[in-house]
Amino acid sequence: MKQTLEKFYHDLDFQYAQGDLDQIERFLLESAAQASEGKEERAGEQIAVYNEMGSFYRGISRYENSISAFLLAEELVAKEMGEKSTQYATVLNNMAGTYRLMGKYEEAIRLFEKSIQIYRLNGERQTYAYASVLNNMALVYRETKQLETAIEYLEEALAVIETMPECQQEVAVTYNNLTALYHAAGDTEKAKECVRRAIHEFEKCADAENVHYAAGLNSLAGFLYADGAYAEALKLYRKSAEYTKRFFGENIEYGVTCQNMYWVYEKTGQWKDAIAALEKAEQIFQRLLGEKHERTRVVADDLKRLKEVYCA
């Protein structure tokens, strides 16, 4: 099975490198079908495929598909390894991450807490996996405006991963999340310090591991915009959009970055580019969220106003 899994991950990396999202999906679906062809010993392969499928769908904002894949992985792990295994905790952490993005915070917290308890039960407090759950839990509490609790989880996560070798990616993600917390708490200088540290760590990582780089660039661009450094902010937003599209296509985060670029273009009087950026954001939000979603309506209203003023 080890050789089969190594081939799967090798082939999956190749598909991601090609950047064709439809082809990646076909590869994952075909791999899942092949792994489920009646052989008991292929359960480990099935679990790996379903986990990767859940992460892929989450990355392109198809959240219901993501949950469905993670539920299949959860069922298999519970059967093969048990609900007290670290593998089970990993699946719960992955699934909770999708629930968080869906705004289903109570379900996300329930699964994250269960995952944390399993890791502790297995003596896994000093691991990347444990720190990852703490990091994710902090995100939930940040998004539900419980900043003190979020900071507690994130500080614990940072204390774990900074003691580990070759942890640039994990350190970068944690500092990026701390950036948002300090910003929400009103400590702008500390937030700037954290985001610059995050980007410094991201830039040590290989591109293939750098899928969170875009979020760090977006954060720093936001601070630069607030400080009036519009050209620098626009440069980082463009780079963020490039990374997001490269790894996940034109997903919701890509649309948000287009919306951010619009603010810079409007502020600097680049009306044609501002309209183009908003049109792209509107197109993405309509496709992924629907015309009635608040985010879609806000962009549509801004686009209408912009065209009335500058295309009259």
C-alpha atoms as a PDB file:
ATOM      1  CA  MET A   1       0.000   0.000   0.000  1.00  0.00           C
ATOM      2  CA  LYS A   2       2.926   2.345   0.739  1.00  0.00           C
ATOM      3  CA  GLN A   3       4.039   2.326  -2.882  1.00  0.00           C
ATOM      4  CA  THR A   4       0.462   2.897  -4.044  1.00  0.00           C
ATOM      5  CA  LEU A   5       0.077   5.917  -1.750  1.00  0.00           C
ATOM      6  CA  GLU A   6       3.419   7.336  -2.824  1.00  0.00           C
ATOM      7  CA  LYS A   7       2.343   7.078  -6.443  1.00  0.00           C
ATOM      8  CA  PHE A   8      -0.996   8.725  -5.644  1.00  0.00           C
ATOM      9  CA  TYR A   9       0.653  11.706  -3.952  1.00  0.00           C
ATOM     10  CA  HIS A  10       3.261  11.965  -6.716  1.00  0.00           C
ATOM     11  CA  ASP A  11       0.559  11.990  -9.383  1.00  0.00           C
ATOM     12  CA  LEU A  12      -1.568  14.443  -7.382  1.00  0.00           C
ATOM     13  CA  ASP A  13       1.379  16.840  -7.065  1.00  0.00           C
ATOM     14  CA  PHE A  14       1.815  16.607 -10.823  1.00  0.00           C
ATOM     15  CA  GLN A  15      -1.860  17.462 -11.388  1.00  0.00           C
ATOM     16  CA  TYR A  16      -1.646  20.489  -9.093  1.00  0.00           C
ATOM     17  CA  ALA A  17       1.469  21.631 -10.920  1.00  0.00           C
ATOM     18  CA  GLN A  18      -0.501  21.615 -14.188  1.00  0.00           C
ATOM     19  CA  GLY A  19      -3.104  23.940 -12.637  1.00  0.00           C
ATOM     20  CA  ASP A  20      -6.148  22.426 -14.395  1.00  0.00           C
ATOM     21  CA  LEU A  21      -8.845  22.244 -11.703  1.00  0.00           C
ATOM     22  CA  ASP A  22     -11.187  20.093 -13.791  1.00  0.00           C
ATOM     23  CA  GLN A  23      -8.401  17.597 -14.411  1.00  0.00           C
ATOM     24  CA  ILE A  24      -7.499  17.558 -10.705  1.00  0.00           C
ATOM     25  CA  GLU A  25     -11.091  16.758  -9.837  1.00  0.00           C
ATOM     26  CA  ARG A  26     -11.232  13.979 -12.434  1.00  0.00           C
ATOM     27  CA  PHE A  27      -8.008  12.513 -11.088  1.00  0.00           C
ATOM     28  CA  LEU A  28      -9.346  12.503  -7.515  1.00  0.00           C
ATOM     29  CA  LEU A  29     -12.674  10.950  -8.527  1.00  0.00           C
ATOM     30  CA  GLU A  30     -10.929   8.275 -10.583  1.00  0.00           C
ATOM     31  CA  SER A  31      -8.510   7.555  -7.723  1.00  0.00           C
ATOM     32  CA  ALA A  32     -11.414   7.197  -5.298  1.00  0.00           C
ATOM     33  CA  ALA A  33     -13.174   4.770  -7.624  1.00  0.00           C
ATOM     34  CA  GLN A  34     -10.032   2.677  -8.077  1.00  0.00           C
ATOM     35  CA  ALA A  35      -9.273   2.606  -4.337  1.00  0.00           C
ATOM     36  CA  SER A  36     -12.782   1.373  -3.504  1.00  0.00           C
ATOM     37  CA  GLU A  37     -12.697  -1.656  -5.799  1.00  0.00           C
ATOM     38  CA  GLY A  38     -13.515  -4.161  -3.096  1.00  0.00           C
ATOM     39  CA  LYS A  39     -10.134  -4.802  -1.521  1.00  0.00           C
ATOM     40  CA  GLU A  40     -10.041  -4.437   2.265  1.00  0.00           C
ATOM     41  CA  GLU A  41      -6.330  -3.612   2.302  1.00  0.00           C
ATOM     42  CA  ARG A  42      -6.953  -0.487   0.208  1.00  0.00           C
ATOM     43  CA  ALA A  43      -8.788   1.325   3.011  1.00  0.00           C
ATOM     44  CA  GLY A  44      -5.717   3.426   3.739  1.00  0.00           C
ATOM     45  CA  GLU A  45      -5.601   4.526   0.125  1.00  0.00           C
ATOM     46  CA  GLN A  46      -9.295   5.404   0.194  1.00  0.00           C
ATOM     47  CA  ILE A  47      -8.832   7.499   3.325  1.00  0.00           C
ATOM     48  CA  ALA A  48      -5.953   9.425   1.736  1.00  0.00           C
ATOM     49  CA  VAL A  49      -7.952  10.090  -1.431  1.00  0.00           C
ATOM     50  CA  TYR A  50     -11.063  11.256   0.440  1.00  0.00           C
ATOM     51  CA  ASN A  51      -8.978  13.552   2.643  1.00  0.00           C
ATOM     52  CA  GLU A  52      -7.311  15.111  -0.391  1.00  0.00           C
ATOM     53  CA  MET A  53     -10.657  15.391  -2.141  1.00  0.00           C
ATOM     54  CA  GLY A  54     -12.152  17.190   0.858  1.00  0.00           C
ATOM     55  CA  SER A  55      -9.266  19.637   0.913  1.00  0.00           C
ATOM     56  CA  PHE A  56      -9.489  20.218  -2.841  1.00  0.00           C
ATOM     57  CA  TYR A  57     -13.200  21.004  -2.764  1.00  0.00           C
ATOM     58  CA  ARG A  58     -12.710  23.274   0.238  1.00  0.00           C
ATOM     59  CA  GLY A  59      -9.998  25.148  -1.654  1.00  0.00           C
ATOM     60  CA  ILE A  60     -12.301  25.873  -4.594  1.00  0.00           C
ATOM     61  CA  SER A  61     -15.199  26.848  -2.264  1.00  0.00           C
ATOM     62  CA  ARG A  62     -17.381  23.783  -2.954  1.00  0.00           C
ATOM     63  CA  TYR A  63     -18.031  23.231   0.708  1.00  0.00           C
ATOM     64  CA  GLU A  64     -20.823  20.666   0.555  1.00  0.00           C
ATOM     65  CA  ASN A  65     -18.652  18.438  -1.634  1.00  0.00           C
ATOM     66  CA  SER A  66     -15.810  18.926   0.830  1.00  0.00           C
ATOM     67  CA  ILE A  67     -17.923  17.783   3.793  1.00  0.00           C
ATOM     68  CA  SER A  68     -19.168  14.753   1.862  1.00  0.00           C
ATOM     69  CA  ALA A  69     -15.590  13.647   1.130  1.00  0.00           C
ATOM     70  CA  PHE A  70     -14.438  14.165   4.718  1.00  0.00           C
ATOM     71  CA  LEU A  71     -17.436  12.197   6.035  1.00  0.00           C
ATOM     72  CA  LEU A  72     -16.391   9.257   3.860  1.00  0.00           C
ATOM     73  CA  ALA A  73     -12.865   9.519   5.266  1.00  0.00           C
ATOM     74  CA  GLU A  74     -14.209   9.737   8.829  1.00  0.00           C
ATOM     75  CA  GLU A  75     -16.307   6.604   8.404  1.00  0.00           C
ATOM     76  CA  LEU A  76     -13.363   4.617   7.083  1.00  0.00           C
ATOM     77  CA  VAL A  77     -10.928   5.827   9.749  1.00  0.00           C
ATOM     78  CA  ALA A  78     -13.399   5.029  12.536  1.00  0.00           C
ATOM     79  CA  LYS A  79     -13.783   1.513  11.166  1.00  0.00           C
ATOM     80  CA  GLU A  80     -10.111   0.794  10.445  1.00  0.00           C
ATOM     81  CA  MET A  81      -8.260   2.709  13.166  1.00  0.00           C
ATOM     82  CA  GLY A  82     -10.823   3.681  15.778  1.00  0.00           C
ATOM     83  CA  GLU A  83     -12.246   6.967  17.021  1.00  0.00           C
ATOM     84  CA  LYS A  84      -9.391   7.493  19.503  1.00  0.00           C
ATOM     85  CA  SER A  85      -6.681   7.376  16.850  1.00  0.00           C
ATOM     86  CA  THR A  86      -4.678  10.399  15.736  1.00  0.00           C
ATOM     87  CA  GLN A  87      -5.791   9.660  12.169  1.00  0.00           C
ATOM     88  CA  TYR A  88      -9.380  10.164  13.294  1.00  0.00           C
ATOM     89  CA  ALA A  89      -8.421  13.449  14.963  1.00  0.00           C
ATOM     90  CA  THR A  90      -6.849  14.602  11.686  1.00  0.00           C
ATOM     91  CA  VAL A  91     -10.032  13.930   9.713  1.00  0.00           C
ATOM     92  CA  LEU A  92     -12.092  15.813  12.314  1.00  0.00           C
ATOM     93  CA  ASN A  93      -9.709  18.762  12.099  1.00  0.00           C
ATOM     94  CA  ASN A  94      -9.992  18.808   8.295  1.00  0.00           C
ATOM     95  CA  MET A  95     -13.776  18.600   8.329  1.00  0.00           C
ATOM     96  CA  ALA A  96     -14.085  21.268  11.024  1.00  0.00           C
ATOM     97  CA  GLY A  97     -12.045  23.590   8.823  1.00  0.00           C
ATOM     98  CA  THR A  98     -14.682  23.349   6.117  1.00  0.00           C
ATOM     99  CA  TYR A  99     -17.506  23.943   8.602  1.00  0.00           C
ATOM    100  CA  ARG A 100     -15.685  27.081   9.736  1.00  0.00           C
ATOM    101  CA  LEU A 101     -15.570  28.430   6.197  1.00  0.00           C
ATOM    102  CA  MET A 102     -19.295  27.661   5.872  1.00  0.00           C
ATOM    103  CA  GLY A 103     -19.983  29.751   8.982  1.00  0.00           C
ATOM    104  CA  LYS A 104     -21.154  26.713  10.951  1.00  0.00           C
ATOM    105  CA  TYR A 105     -19.105  27.650  13.991  1.00  0.00           C
ATOM    106  CA  GLU A 106     -20.751  25.475  16.629  1.00  0.00           C
ATOM    107  CA  GLU A 107     -20.139  22.347  14.569  1.00  0.00           C
ATOM    108  CA  ALA A 108     -16.586  23.462  13.821  1.00  0.00           C
ATOM    109  CA  ILE A 109     -15.812  24.051  17.508  1.00  0.00           C
ATOM    110  CA  ARG A 110     -17.303  20.686  18.484  1.00  0.00           C
ATOM    111  CA  LEU A 111     -15.084  18.843  16.026  1.00  0.00           C
ATOM    112  CA  PHE A 112     -11.963  20.876  16.817  1.00  0.00           C
ATOM    113  CA  GLU A 113     -12.413  20.244  20.551  1.00  0.00           C
ATOM    114  CA  LYS A 114     -12.863  16.532  19.935  1.00  0.00           C
ATOM    115  CA  SER A 115      -9.718  16.504  17.807  1.00  0.00           C
ATOM    116  CA  ILE A 116      -7.729  18.324  20.514  1.00  0.00           C
ATOM    117  CA  GLN A 117      -8.792  15.811  23.156  1.00  0.00           C
ATOM    118  CA  ILE A 118      -7.748  12.871  20.975  1.00  0.00           C
ATOM    119  CA  TYR A 119      -4.302  14.343  20.347  1.00  0.00           C
ATOM    120  CA  ARG A 120      -3.844  14.986  24.073  1.00  0.00           C
ATOM    121  CA  LEU A 121      -4.999  11.447  24.884  1.00  0.00           C
ATOM    122  CA  ASN A 122      -2.322  10.111  22.521  1.00  0.00           C
ATOM    123  CA  GLY A 123       0.426  12.303  23.981  1.00  0.00           C
ATOM    124  CA  GLU A 124       0.668  14.386  20.814  1.00  0.00           C
ATOM    125  CA  ARG A 125       0.903  17.893  22.293  1.00  0.00           C
ATOM    126  CA  GLN A 126       4.289  18.624  20.693  1.00  0.00           C
ATOM    127  CA  THR A 127       3.292  17.893  17.096  1.00  0.00           C
ATOM    128  CA  TYR A 128       2.429  19.889  13.993  1.00  0.00           C
ATOM    129  CA  ALA A 129      -0.978  18.230  13.908  1.00  0.00           C
ATOM    130  CA  TYR A 130      -1.857  19.390  17.418  1.00  0.00           C
ATOM    131  CA  ALA A 131      -0.654  22.926  16.704  1.00  0.00           C
ATOM    132  CA  SER A 132      -2.758  22.934  13.538  1.00  0.00           C
ATOM    133  CA  VAL A 133      -5.943  22.267  15.486  1.00  0.00           C
ATOM    134  CA  LEU A 134      -5.097  25.001  17.990  1.00  0.00           C
ATOM    135  CA  ASN A 135      -4.493  27.362  15.085  1.00  0.00           C
ATOM    136  CA  ASN A 136      -7.827  26.470  13.516  1.00  0.00           C
ATOM    137  CA  MET A 137      -9.666  26.840  16.817  1.00  0.00           C
ATOM    138  CA  ALA A 138      -8.239  30.330  17.165  1.00  0.00           C
ATOM    139  CA  LEU A 139      -9.672  31.196  13.749  1.00  0.00           C
ATOM    140  CA  VAL A 140     -13.160  30.182  14.876  1.00  0.00           C
ATOM    141  CA  TYR A 141     -12.989  32.283  18.021  1.00  0.00           C
ATOM    142  CA  ARG A 142     -11.596  35.204  16.061  1.00  0.00           C
ATOM    143  CA  GLU A 143     -14.470  35.034  13.606  1.00  0.00           C
ATOM    144  CA  THR A 144     -17.004  34.841  16.447  1.00  0.00           C
ATOM    145  CA  LYS A 145     -15.383  37.925  18.080  1.00  0.00           C
ATOM    146  CA  GLN A 146     -14.032  36.036  21.105  1.00  0.00           C
ATOM    147  CA  LEU A 147     -10.576  37.547  20.745  1.00  0.00           C
ATOM    148  CA  GLU A 148      -9.093  36.687  24.141  1.00  0.00           C
ATOM    149  CA  THR A 149      -9.887  33.001  23.703  1.00  0.00           C
ATOM    150  CA  ALA A 150      -8.546  33.099  20.164  1.00  0.00           C
ATOM    151  CA  ILE A 151      -5.259  34.609  21.341  1.00  0.00           C
ATOM    152  CA  GLU A 152      -4.884  31.927  24.025  1.00  0.00           C
ATOM    153  CA  TYR A 153      -5.197  29.129  21.461  1.00  0.00           C
ATOM    154  CA  LEU A 154      -2.888  30.824  19.009  1.00  0.00           C
ATOM    155  CA  GLU A 155      -0.194  31.551  21.569  1.00  0.00           C
ATOM    156  CA  GLU A 156      -0.228  27.890  22.582  1.00  0.00           C
ATOM    157  CA  ALA A 157       0.068  26.867  18.923  1.00  0.00           C
ATOM    158  CA  LEU A 158       2.995  29.221  18.314  1.00  0.00           C
ATOM    159  CA  ALA A 159       4.792  27.963  21.428  1.00  0.00           C
ATOM    160  CA  VAL A 160       4.546  24.416  20.050  1.00  0.00           C
ATOM    161  CA  ILE A 161       5.702  24.985  16.489  1.00  0.00           C
ATOM    162  CA  GLU A 162       8.524  27.434  17.145  1.00  0.00           C
ATOM    163  CA  THR A 163      10.383  24.646  18.967  1.00  0.00           C
ATOM    164  CA  MET A 164      10.284  22.409  15.905  1.00  0.00           C
ATOM    165  CA  PRO A 165      12.791  22.220  13.039  1.00  0.00           C
ATOM    166  CA  GLU A 166      11.851  23.187   9.484  1.00  0.00           C
ATOM    167  CA  CYS A 167       8.520  24.677  10.485  1.00  0.00           C
ATOM    168  CA  GLN A 168       8.489  27.832   8.353  1.00  0.00           C
ATOM    169  CA  GLN A 169       5.094  27.085   6.836  1.00  0.00           C
ATOM    170  CA  GLU A 170       3.434  26.483  10.206  1.00  0.00           C
ATOM    171  CA  VAL A 171       5.116  29.480  11.841  1.00  0.00           C
ATOM    172  CA  ALA A 172       4.095  31.674   8.905  1.00  0.00           C
ATOM    173  CA  VAL A 173       0.451  30.609   9.074  1.00  0.00           C
ATOM    174  CA  THR A 174       0.351  31.197  12.831  1.00  0.00           C
ATOM    175  CA  TYR A 175       1.881  34.653  12.579  1.00  0.00           C
ATOM    176  CA  ASN A 176      -0.553  35.487   9.801  1.00  0.00           C
ATOM    177  CA  ASN A 177      -3.469  34.497  12.033  1.00  0.00           C
ATOM    178  CA  LEU A 178      -1.989  36.513  14.910  1.00  0.00           C
ATOM    179  CA  THR A 179      -1.932  39.486  12.547  1.00  0.00           C
ATOM    180  CA  ALA A 180      -5.704  39.380  12.213  1.00  0.00           C
ATOM    181  CA  LEU A 181      -6.166  39.015  15.967  1.00  0.00           C
ATOM    182  CA  TYR A 182      -3.948  41.952  16.882  1.00  0.00           C
ATOM    183  CA  HIS A 183      -5.594  44.055  14.193  1.00  0.00           C
ATOM    184  CA  ALA A 184      -9.058  43.197  15.525  1.00  0.00           C
ATOM    185  CA  ALA A 185      -7.853  44.016  19.045  1.00  0.00           C
ATOM    186  CA  GLY A 186      -6.698  47.449  17.868  1.00  0.00           C
ATOM    187  CA  ASP A 187      -2.940  46.857  18.178  1.00  0.00           C
ATOM    188  CA  THR A 188      -1.931  47.931  14.657  1.00  0.00           C
ATOM    189  CA  GLU A 189       1.806  48.017  15.263  1.00  0.00           C
ATOM    190  CA  LYS A 190       1.852  44.494  16.659  1.00  0.00           C
ATOM    191  CA  ALA A 191      -0.286  43.348  13.724  1.00  0.00           C
ATOM    192  CA  LYS A 192       2.184  44.832  11.235  1.00  0.00           C
ATOM    193  CA  GLU A 193       5.069  43.170  13.043  1.00  0.00           C
ATOM    194  CA  CYS A 194       3.329  39.792  12.846  1.00  0.00           C
ATOM    195  CA  VAL A 195       2.388  40.015   9.173  1.00  0.00           C
ATOM    196  CA  ARG A 196       5.912  40.961   8.155  1.00  0.00           C
ATOM    197  CA  ARG A 197       7.211  37.986  10.140  1.00  0.00           C
ATOM    198  CA  ALA A 198       4.605  35.794   8.423  1.00  0.00           C
ATOM    199  CA  ILE A 199       5.663  36.860   4.941  1.00  0.00           C
ATOM    200  CA  HIS A 200       9.331  36.412   5.861  1.00  0.00           C
ATOM    201  CA  GLU A 201       8.594  32.807   6.866  1.00  0.00           C
ATOM    202  CA  PHE A 202       6.368  32.178   3.816  1.00  0.00           C
ATOM    203  CA  GLU A 203       9.156  33.251   1.498  1.00  0.00           C
ATOM    204  CA  LYS A 204      11.398  30.514   2.916  1.00  0.00           C
ATOM    205  CA  CYS A 205       8.914  27.874   1.745  1.00  0.00           C
ATOM    206  CA  ALA A 206       8.865  26.126  -1.621  1.00  0.00           C
ATOM    207  CA  ASP A 207       6.080  27.300  -3.919  1.00  0.00           C
ATOM    208  CA  ALA A 208       4.388  23.893  -3.772  1.00  0.00           C
ATOM    209  CA  GLU A 209       3.936  24.364  -0.006  1.00  0.00           C
ATOM    210  CA  ASN A 210       3.074  28.046  -0.153  1.00  0.00           C
ATOM    211  CA  VAL A 211      -0.688  28.013  -0.596  1.00  0.00           C
ATOM    212  CA  HIS A 212      -1.241  30.316   2.415  1.00  0.00           C
ATOM    213  CA  TYR A 213       1.142  32.956   1.106  1.00  0.00           C
ATOM    214  CA  ALA A 214      -1.702  34.836  -0.566  1.00  0.00           C
ATOM    215  CA  ALA A 215      -3.464  35.431   2.748  1.00  0.00           C
ATOM    216  CA  GLY A 216      -0.331  36.969   4.229  1.00  0.00           C
ATOM    217  CA  LEU A 217       0.114  39.216   1.213  1.00  0.00           C
ATOM    218  CA  ASN A 218      -3.511  40.327   1.481  1.00  0.00           C
ATOM    219  CA  SER A 219      -3.083  41.204   5.145  1.00  0.00           C
ATOM    220  CA  LEU A 220       0.025  43.289   4.595  1.00  0.00           C
ATOM    221  CA  ALA A 221      -1.548  44.978   1.562  1.00  0.00           C
ATOM    222  CA  GLY A 222      -4.485  45.991   3.733  1.00  0.00           C
ATOM    223  CA  PHE A 223      -2.166  47.737   6.202  1.00  0.00           C
ATOM    224  CA  LEU A 224      -0.281  49.452   3.395  1.00  0.00           C
ATOM    225  CA  TYR A 225      -3.563  50.660   1.919  1.00  0.00           C
ATOM    226  CA  ALA A 226      -4.620  52.061   5.287  1.00  0.00           C
ATOM    227  CA  ASP A 227      -1.271  53.889   5.512  1.00  0.00           C
ATOM    228  CA  GLY A 228      -1.756  55.399   2.035  1.00  0.00           C
ATOM    229  CA  ALA A 229       0.960  53.322   0.364  1.00  0.00           C
ATOM    230  CA  TYR A 230      -1.337  52.498  -2.559  1.00  0.00           C
ATOM    231  CA  ALA A 231       1.249  51.395  -5.124  1.00  0.00           C
ATOM    232  CA  GLU A 232       2.823  48.938  -2.683  1.00  0.00           C
ATOM    233  CA  ALA A 233      -0.601  47.666  -1.622  1.00  0.00           C
ATOM    234  CA  LEU A 234      -1.659  47.089  -5.232  1.00  0.00           C
ATOM    235  CA  LYS A 235       1.551  45.183  -5.963  1.00  0.00           C
ATOM    236  CA  LEU A 236       0.871  42.801  -3.068  1.00  0.00           C
ATOM    237  CA  TYR A 237      -2.818  42.373  -3.982  1.00  0.00           C
ATOM    238  CA  ARG A 238      -1.824  41.422  -7.525  1.00  0.00           C
ATOM    239  CA  LYS A 239       0.713  38.927  -6.233  1.00  0.00           C
ATOM    240  CA  SER A 240      -1.890  37.504  -3.842  1.00  0.00           C
ATOM    241  CA  ALA A 241      -4.379  37.084  -6.700  1.00  0.00           C
ATOM    242  CA  GLU A 242      -1.723  35.323  -8.782  1.00  0.00           C
ATOM    243  CA  TYR A 243      -0.985  32.815  -6.018  1.00  0.00           C
ATOM    244  CA  THR A 244      -4.655  32.183  -5.241  1.00  0.00           C
ATOM    245  CA  LYS A 245      -5.536  31.548  -8.880  1.00  0.00           C
ATOM    246  CA  ARG A 246      -2.505  29.330  -9.324  1.00  0.00           C
ATOM    247  CA  PHE A 247      -3.424  26.987  -6.489  1.00  0.00           C
ATOM    248  CA  PHE A 248      -7.237  27.198  -6.332  1.00  0.00           C
ATOM    249  CA  GLY A 249      -8.524  28.964  -9.413  1.00  0.00           C
ATOM    250  CA  GLU A 250     -10.972  31.856  -9.221  1.00  0.00           C
ATOM    251  CA  ASN A 251     -12.464  30.978  -5.830  1.00  0.00           C
ATOM    252  CA  ILE A 252     -14.065  33.253  -3.238  1.00  0.00           C
ATOM    253  CA  GLU A 253     -10.690  34.403  -1.897  1.00  0.00           C
ATOM    254  CA  TYR A 254      -9.690  35.391  -5.436  1.00  0.00           C
ATOM    255  CA  GLY A 255     -12.913  37.409  -5.713  1.00  0.00           C
ATOM    256  CA  VAL A 256     -12.187  39.139  -2.400  1.00  0.00           C
ATOM    257  CA  THR A 257      -8.726  40.090  -3.634  1.00  0.00           C
ATOM    258  CA  CYS A 258     -10.255  41.557  -6.807  1.00  0.00           C
ATOM    259  CA  GLN A 259     -12.582  43.559  -4.578  1.00  0.00           C
ATOM    260  CA  ASN A 260      -9.575  44.787  -2.572  1.00  0.00           C
ATOM    261  CA  MET A 261      -7.805  45.842  -5.755  1.00  0.00           C
ATOM    262  CA  TYR A 262     -10.880  47.833  -6.741  1.00  0.00           C
ATOM    263  CA  TRP A 263     -10.501  50.001  -3.620  1.00  0.00           C
ATOM    264  CA  VAL A 264      -6.917  50.824  -4.556  1.00  0.00           C
ATOM    265  CA  TYR A 265      -7.783  51.536  -8.187  1.00  0.00           C
ATOM    266  CA  GLU A 266     -10.626  53.821  -7.170  1.00  0.00           C
ATOM    267  CA  LYS A 267      -8.475  55.641  -4.628  1.00  0.00           C
ATOM    268  CA  THR A 268      -5.801  56.300  -7.268  1.00  0.00           C
ATOM    269  CA  GLY A 269      -8.240  57.311  -9.983  1.00  0.00           C
ATOM    270  CA  GLN A 270      -7.748  54.249 -12.208  1.00  0.00           C
ATOM    271  CA  TRP A 271     -11.436  53.954 -13.041  1.00  0.00           C
ATOM    272  CA  LYS A 272     -11.187  51.486 -15.911  1.00  0.00           C
ATOM    273  CA  ASP A 273      -9.161  49.050 -13.802  1.00  0.00           C
ATOM    274  CA  ALA A 274     -11.486  49.597 -10.840  1.00  0.00           C
ATOM    275  CA  ILE A 275     -14.516  48.626 -12.924  1.00  0.00           C
ATOM    276  CA  ALA A 276     -12.730  45.584 -14.373  1.00  0.00           C
ATOM    277  CA  ALA A 277     -11.747  44.373 -10.888  1.00  0.00           C
ATOM    278  CA  LEU A 278     -15.303  44.770  -9.587  1.00  0.00           C
ATOM    279  CA  GLU A 279     -16.768  43.025 -12.614  1.00  0.00           C
ATOM    280  CA  LYS A 280     -14.499  40.049 -11.987  1.00  0.00           C
ATOM    281  CA  ALA A 281     -15.431  39.977  -8.275  1.00  0.00           C
ATOM    282  CA  GLU A 282     -19.134  40.152  -9.124  1.00  0.00           C
ATOM    283  CA  GLN A 283     -18.787  37.322 -11.645  1.00  0.00           C
ATOM    284  CA  ILE A 284     -17.068  35.085  -9.082  1.00  0.00           C
ATOM    285  CA  PHE A 285     -19.505  35.839  -6.249  1.00  0.00           C
ATOM    286  CA  GLN A 286     -22.526  35.283  -8.473  1.00  0.00           C
ATOM    287  CA  ARG A 287     -21.169  31.919  -9.566  1.00  0.00           C
ATOM    288  CA  LEU A 288     -20.163  30.689  -6.122  1.00  0.00           C
ATOM    289  CA  LEU A 289     -22.538  32.500  -3.751  1.00  0.00           C
ATOM    290  CA  GLY A 290     -25.534  33.455  -5.891  1.00  0.00           C
ATOM    291  CA  GLU A 291     -27.026  36.822  -6.831  1.00  0.00           C
ATOM    292  CA  LYS A 292     -28.865  37.260  -3.521  1.00  0.00           C
ATOM    293  CA  HIS A 293     -25.846  36.802  -1.267  1.00  0.00           C
ATOM    294  CA  GLU A 294     -24.880  39.938   0.674  1.00  0.00           C
ATOM    295  CA  ARG A 295     -21.341  39.964  -0.693  1.00  0.00           C
ATOM    296  CA  THR A 296     -22.634  39.746  -4.276  1.00  0.00           C
ATOM    297  CA  ARG A 297     -25.142  42.538  -3.705  1.00  0.00           C
ATOM    298  CA  VAL A 298     -22.526  44.852  -2.192  1.00  0.00           C
ATOM    299  CA  VAL A 299     -20.219  44.390  -5.180  1.00  0.00           C
ATOM    300  CA  ALA A 300     -23.109  44.834  -7.630  1.00  0.00           C
ATOM    301  CA  ASP A 301     -24.140  48.102  -5.924  1.00  0.00           C
ATOM    302  CA  ASP A 302     -20.569  49.438  -5.974  1.00  0.00           C
ATOM    303  CA  LEU A 303     -20.205  48.479  -9.627  1.00  0.00           C
ATOM    304  CA  LYS A 304     -23.449  50.215 -10.548  1.00  0.00           C
ATOM    305  CA  ARG A 305     -22.380  53.374  -8.707  1.00  0.00           C
ATOM    306  CA  LEU A 306     -18.957  53.320 -10.317  1.00  0.00           C
ATOM    307  CA  LYS A 307     -20.334  52.950 -13.830  1.00  0.00           C
ATOM    308  CA  GLU A 308     -22.906  55.713 -13.271  1.00  0.00           C
ATOM    309  CA  VAL A 309     -20.182  58.133 -12.179  1.00  0.00           C
ATOM    310  CA  TYR A 310     -17.357  57.275 -14.568  1.00  0.00           C
ATOM    311  CA  CYS A 311     -19.102  55.808 -17.614  1.00  0.00           C
ATOM    312  CA  ALA A 312     -21.749  58.480 -18.004  1.00  0.00           C
END
